Protein backbone atom coordinates (compact mmCIF):
# COMPACT_ATOMS: atom_id res chain seq x y z
CA UNK A 1 0.00 0.00 0.00
CA UNK A 2 1.44 3.38 -0.93
CA UNK A 3 1.11 6.55 1.11
CA UNK A 4 -1.87 7.88 -0.84
CA UNK A 5 -3.99 4.76 -0.39
CA UNK A 6 -6.25 4.60 2.66
CA UNK A 7 -6.10 1.56 4.94
CA UNK A 8 -8.38 -1.31 3.94
CA UNK A 9 -10.67 -0.70 6.93
CA UNK A 10 -11.37 2.94 6.00
CA UNK A 11 -14.88 3.98 5.06
CA UNK A 12 -15.26 5.19 1.50
CA UNK A 13 -18.24 6.85 -0.10
CA UNK A 14 -18.34 8.30 -3.61
CA UNK A 15 -20.32 11.53 -3.84
CA UNK A 16 -21.28 13.75 -6.76
CA UNK A 17 -19.83 17.22 -7.17
CA UNK A 18 -22.03 19.76 -8.95
CA UNK A 19 -20.77 22.13 -11.62
CA UNK A 20 -20.67 24.74 -8.84
CA UNK A 21 -18.30 22.59 -6.75
CA UNK A 22 -20.99 21.62 -4.25
CA UNK A 23 -21.41 18.18 -2.70
CA UNK A 24 -23.30 16.54 0.13
CA UNK A 25 -21.42 15.12 3.09
CA UNK A 26 -22.88 11.66 3.72
CA UNK A 27 -25.04 11.39 6.84
CA UNK A 28 -22.81 8.91 8.68
CA UNK A 29 -19.79 11.22 8.28
CA UNK A 30 -21.82 14.27 9.37
CA UNK A 31 -22.89 12.33 12.45
CA UNK A 32 -19.32 11.23 13.22
CA UNK A 33 -18.06 14.81 12.88
CA UNK A 34 -21.01 16.33 14.72
CA UNK A 35 -21.94 18.51 11.76
CA UNK A 36 -25.42 19.97 11.96
CA UNK A 37 -27.33 21.38 9.00
CA UNK A 38 -27.27 24.17 8.26
CA UNK A 39 -23.72 24.47 9.46
CA UNK A 40 -20.13 25.03 8.49
CA UNK A 41 -17.06 22.88 8.05
CA UNK A 42 -13.39 23.70 7.61
CA UNK A 43 -11.28 22.10 4.89
CA UNK A 44 -7.62 21.94 5.88
CA UNK A 45 -4.70 20.61 3.84
CA UNK A 46 -1.89 18.87 5.72
CA UNK A 47 1.78 19.04 4.76
CA UNK A 48 1.32 15.56 3.25
CA UNK A 49 -1.39 16.90 0.94
CA UNK A 50 -4.27 15.19 2.75
CA UNK A 51 -7.51 17.13 3.02
CA UNK A 52 -9.06 17.16 6.50
CA UNK A 53 -12.72 18.09 7.07
CA UNK A 54 -13.51 19.44 10.53
CA UNK A 55 -16.66 20.77 12.11
CA UNK A 56 -16.82 24.41 13.10
CA UNK A 57 -17.63 24.24 16.79
CA UNK A 58 -18.31 27.87 17.63
CA UNK A 59 -17.81 31.38 16.25
CA UNK A 60 -15.14 32.08 18.87
CA UNK A 61 -13.04 29.17 17.58
CA UNK A 62 -13.10 30.72 14.11
CA UNK A 63 -11.98 34.16 15.33
CA UNK A 64 -9.08 35.28 13.14
CA UNK A 65 -9.59 32.48 10.60
CA UNK A 66 -10.26 34.88 7.72
CA UNK A 67 -7.16 36.87 8.56
CA UNK A 68 -4.90 33.83 8.17
CA UNK A 69 -6.63 32.08 5.27
CA UNK A 70 -8.71 32.55 2.16
CA UNK A 71 -11.92 31.99 4.15
CA UNK A 72 -13.40 35.27 2.93
CA UNK A 73 -12.75 34.66 -0.76
CA UNK A 74 -15.34 33.75 -3.37
CA UNK A 75 -12.93 31.26 -4.98
CA UNK A 76 -13.86 27.57 -4.94
CA UNK A 77 -11.75 25.41 -2.61
CA UNK A 78 -10.30 23.52 -5.58
CA UNK A 79 -8.90 26.76 -7.02
CA UNK A 80 -7.41 27.80 -3.69
CA UNK A 81 -5.78 24.38 -3.29
CA UNK A 82 -4.43 24.50 -6.84
CA UNK A 83 -2.90 27.91 -6.17
CA UNK A 84 -1.38 26.68 -2.90
CA UNK A 85 0.12 23.64 -4.65
CA UNK A 86 1.56 25.85 -7.39
CA UNK A 87 3.01 28.14 -4.73
CA UNK A 88 4.62 25.17 -2.96
CA UNK A 89 6.00 23.87 -6.28
CA UNK A 90 7.52 27.28 -7.04
CA UNK A 91 9.06 27.41 -3.56
CA UNK A 92 10.51 23.91 -4.04
CA UNK A 93 11.96 24.93 -7.42
CA UNK A 94 13.49 28.05 -5.86
CA UNK A 95 15.09 25.91 -3.15
CA UNK A 96 16.49 23.52 -5.77
CA UNK A 97 17.81 26.41 -7.86
CA UNK A 98 19.47 27.94 -4.80
CA UNK A 99 20.94 24.58 -3.82
CA UNK A 100 22.23 23.92 -7.36
CA UNK A 101 23.68 27.44 -7.54
CA UNK A 102 25.48 26.94 -4.22
CA UNK A 103 26.81 23.56 -5.38
CA UNK A 104 28.30 25.15 -8.52
CA UNK A 105 29.88 27.95 -6.46
CA UNK A 106 31.56 25.42 -4.17
CA UNK A 107 33.27 23.62 -7.06
């Protein structure tokens, strides 16, 4: 099993995504996460690229969220994630270029 494959005992459900990027969180996952409708969830990307869905417990827990994220944007989550991945790729390329440049200078 590679890193991107879930363990065999994980629960999987395929859901539709509308042309507007909307989907329905299956009931059993909503119940496990304590998500009430109408409600809000947070999508968070880990350093490993995994997407975590978390319930929003209270307004006070979200204080400052918009200031440190794109929470107030009208962009779909997929576009924000794509931009973040591109940004990380550019940063990785810059690091490699710097490392290669330093290697050539040390020769």
